[in-house]
């Protein structure tokens, strides 16, 4: 069975978006919390939230938040790629049958 170029293109796009989306989402939340630290009334809440988020990312990165966010991104990319492969397989079987 030949692998079609459309499948490869779809798999690469899905994996790329699945990798980038959690990184952008977590980075955006961290940036929002950092910006909220500048507001005097919610400074303590935002600082606590940023600390908890960095601790959460450190769990997945063996103590390093940057490695943690990369691990989460790679995991999401793998799951997205597997889902795209499954969807392509189901589409091929339903189309032929």
C-alpha atoms as a PDB file:
ATOM      1  CA  UNK A   1       0.000   0.000   0.000  1.00  0.00           C
ATOM      2  CA  UNK A   2       1.406   3.353  -1.032  1.00  0.00           C
ATOM      3  CA  UNK A   3       1.293   6.300   1.320  1.00  0.00           C
ATOM      4  CA  UNK A   4      -0.363   9.184  -0.454  1.00  0.00           C
ATOM      5  CA  UNK A   5       1.114  12.689  -0.394  1.00  0.00           C
ATOM      6  CA  UNK A   6      -2.217  13.997   0.913  1.00  0.00           C
ATOM      7  CA  UNK A   7      -1.911  11.741   3.963  1.00  0.00           C
ATOM      8  CA  UNK A   8       1.666  12.864   4.663  1.00  0.00           C
ATOM      9  CA  UNK A   9       0.673  16.532   4.307  1.00  0.00           C
ATOM     10  CA  UNK A  10      -2.321  16.036   6.597  1.00  0.00           C
ATOM     11  CA  UNK A  11      -0.237  14.161   9.153  1.00  0.00           C
ATOM     12  CA  UNK A  12       2.459  16.859   9.217  1.00  0.00           C
ATOM     13  CA  UNK A  13      -0.068  19.677   9.542  1.00  0.00           C
ATOM     14  CA  UNK A  14      -2.002  17.899  12.271  1.00  0.00           C
ATOM     15  CA  UNK A  15       1.139  17.061  14.226  1.00  0.00           C
ATOM     16  CA  UNK A  16       2.466  20.612  13.885  1.00  0.00           C
ATOM     17  CA  UNK A  17      -0.754  22.243  15.035  1.00  0.00           C
ATOM     18  CA  UNK A  18      -1.139  19.704  17.829  1.00  0.00           C
ATOM     19  CA  UNK A  19       2.385  20.557  19.003  1.00  0.00           C
ATOM     20  CA  UNK A  20       2.046  24.327  18.779  1.00  0.00           C
ATOM     21  CA  UNK A  21      -1.438  24.722  20.273  1.00  0.00           C
ATOM     22  CA  UNK A  22      -0.698  23.607  23.871  1.00  0.00           C
ATOM     23  CA  UNK A  23       2.544  25.587  23.892  1.00  0.00           C
ATOM     24  CA  UNK A  24       0.752  28.747  22.771  1.00  0.00           C
ATOM     25  CA  UNK A  25      -2.130  28.112  25.159  1.00  0.00           C
ATOM     26  CA  UNK A  26       0.067  27.529  28.220  1.00  0.00           C
ATOM     27  CA  UNK A  27       2.383  30.372  27.213  1.00  0.00           C
ATOM     28  CA  UNK A  28      -0.598  32.683  26.828  1.00  0.00           C
ATOM     29  CA  UNK A  29      -1.936  31.762  30.262  1.00  0.00           C
ATOM     30  CA  UNK A  30       1.507  32.352  31.757  1.00  0.00           C
ATOM     31  CA  UNK A  31       1.814  35.717  29.962  1.00  0.00           C
ATOM     32  CA  UNK A  32      -1.677  36.706  31.121  1.00  0.00           C
ATOM     33  CA  UNK A  33      -0.799  35.826  34.708  1.00  0.00           C
ATOM     34  CA  UNK A  34       2.454  37.767  34.434  1.00  0.00           C
ATOM     35  CA  UNK A  35       0.568  40.786  33.124  1.00  0.00           C
ATOM     36  CA  UNK A  36      -2.018  40.444  35.901  1.00  0.00           C
ATOM     37  CA  UNK A  37       0.790  40.624  38.468  1.00  0.00           C
ATOM     38  CA  UNK A  38       1.107  44.322  37.578  1.00  0.00           C
ATOM     39  CA  UNK A  39      -2.415  45.043  38.861  1.00  0.00           C
ATOM     40  CA  UNK A  40      -2.171  45.774  42.604  1.00  0.00           C
ATOM     41  CA  UNK A  41      -5.486  44.209  43.673  1.00  0.00           C
ATOM     42  CA  UNK A  42      -4.895  40.796  42.111  1.00  0.00           C
ATOM     43  CA  UNK A  43      -1.104  40.659  42.310  1.00  0.00           C
ATOM     44  CA  UNK A  44      -1.007  37.876  44.911  1.00  0.00           C
ATOM     45  CA  UNK A  45      -3.565  35.730  43.075  1.00  0.00           C
ATOM     46  CA  UNK A  46      -1.763  36.077  39.738  1.00  0.00           C
ATOM     47  CA  UNK A  47       1.622  35.379  41.295  1.00  0.00           C
ATOM     48  CA  UNK A  48       0.275  32.257  43.009  1.00  0.00           C
ATOM     49  CA  UNK A  49      -1.310  31.076  39.755  1.00  0.00           C
ATOM     50  CA  UNK A  50       1.916  31.582  37.811  1.00  0.00           C
ATOM     51  CA  UNK A  51       3.874  29.718  40.485  1.00  0.00           C
ATOM     52  CA  UNK A  52       1.424  26.806  40.429  1.00  0.00           C
ATOM     53  CA  UNK A  53       1.519  26.646  36.625  1.00  0.00           C
ATOM     54  CA  UNK A  54       5.325  26.600  36.614  1.00  0.00           C
ATOM     55  CA  UNK A  55       5.295  23.858  39.262  1.00  0.00           C
ATOM     56  CA  UNK A  56       2.820  21.881  37.144  1.00  0.00           C
ATOM     57  CA  UNK A  57       5.083  22.189  34.100  1.00  0.00           C
ATOM     58  CA  UNK A  58       8.108  21.241  36.207  1.00  0.00           C
ATOM     59  CA  UNK A  59       6.467  17.909  37.039  1.00  0.00           C
ATOM     60  CA  UNK A  60       6.453  16.921  33.376  1.00  0.00           C
ATOM     61  CA  UNK A  61       9.924  18.311  32.705  1.00  0.00           C
ATOM     62  CA  UNK A  62      11.836  16.677  35.568  1.00  0.00           C
ATOM     63  CA  UNK A  63      12.169  20.003  37.343  1.00  0.00           C
ATOM     64  CA  UNK A  64      12.391  22.301  34.311  1.00  0.00           C
ATOM     65  CA  UNK A  65       9.208  24.097  33.166  1.00  0.00           C
ATOM     66  CA  UNK A  66      10.526  24.560  29.616  1.00  0.00           C
ATOM     67  CA  UNK A  67      11.100  20.830  29.237  1.00  0.00           C
ATOM     68  CA  UNK A  68       7.660  20.244  30.721  1.00  0.00           C
ATOM     69  CA  UNK A  69       5.927  22.373  28.133  1.00  0.00           C
ATOM     70  CA  UNK A  70       7.891  20.627  25.372  1.00  0.00           C
ATOM     71  CA  UNK A  71       6.894  17.207  26.724  1.00  0.00           C
ATOM     72  CA  UNK A  72       3.249  18.247  26.756  1.00  0.00           C
ATOM     73  CA  UNK A  73       3.563  19.600  23.208  1.00  0.00           C
ATOM     74  CA  UNK A  74       5.237  16.434  21.921  1.00  0.00           C
ATOM     75  CA  UNK A  75       2.611  14.262  23.595  1.00  0.00           C
ATOM     76  CA  UNK A  76      -0.199  16.271  22.028  1.00  0.00           C
ATOM     77  CA  UNK A  77       1.545  16.054  18.633  1.00  0.00           C
ATOM     78  CA  UNK A  78       1.775  12.271  18.944  1.00  0.00           C
ATOM     79  CA  UNK A  79      -1.886  11.958  19.910  1.00  0.00           C
ATOM     80  CA  UNK A  80      -2.928  14.288  17.094  1.00  0.00           C
ATOM     81  CA  UNK A  81      -0.893  12.268  14.602  1.00  0.00           C
ATOM     82  CA  UNK A  82      -2.404   9.015  15.809  1.00  0.00           C
ATOM     83  CA  UNK A  83      -5.903  10.467  15.559  1.00  0.00           C
ATOM     84  CA  UNK A  84      -5.226  11.734  12.028  1.00  0.00           C
ATOM     85  CA  UNK A  85      -3.886   8.306  11.028  1.00  0.00           C
ATOM     86  CA  UNK A  86      -7.002   6.646  12.434  1.00  0.00           C
ATOM     87  CA  UNK A  87      -9.303   9.121  10.665  1.00  0.00           C
ATOM     88  CA  UNK A  88      -7.466   8.567   7.371  1.00  0.00           C
ATOM     89  CA  UNK A  89      -7.691   4.783   7.795  1.00  0.00           C
ATOM     90  CA  UNK A  90     -11.423   4.951   8.570  1.00  0.00           C
ATOM     91  CA  UNK A  91     -12.013   7.265   5.620  1.00  0.00           C
ATOM     92  CA  UNK A  92     -10.230   4.848   3.276  1.00  0.00           C
ATOM     93  CA  UNK A  93     -12.211   1.847   4.573  1.00  0.00           C
ATOM     94  CA  UNK A  94     -15.580   3.613   4.455  1.00  0.00           C
ATOM     95  CA  UNK A  95     -14.909   4.945   0.953  1.00  0.00           C
ATOM     96  CA  UNK A  96     -13.907   1.524  -0.421  1.00  0.00           C
ATOM     97  CA  UNK A  97     -16.658  -0.430   1.326  1.00  0.00           C
END
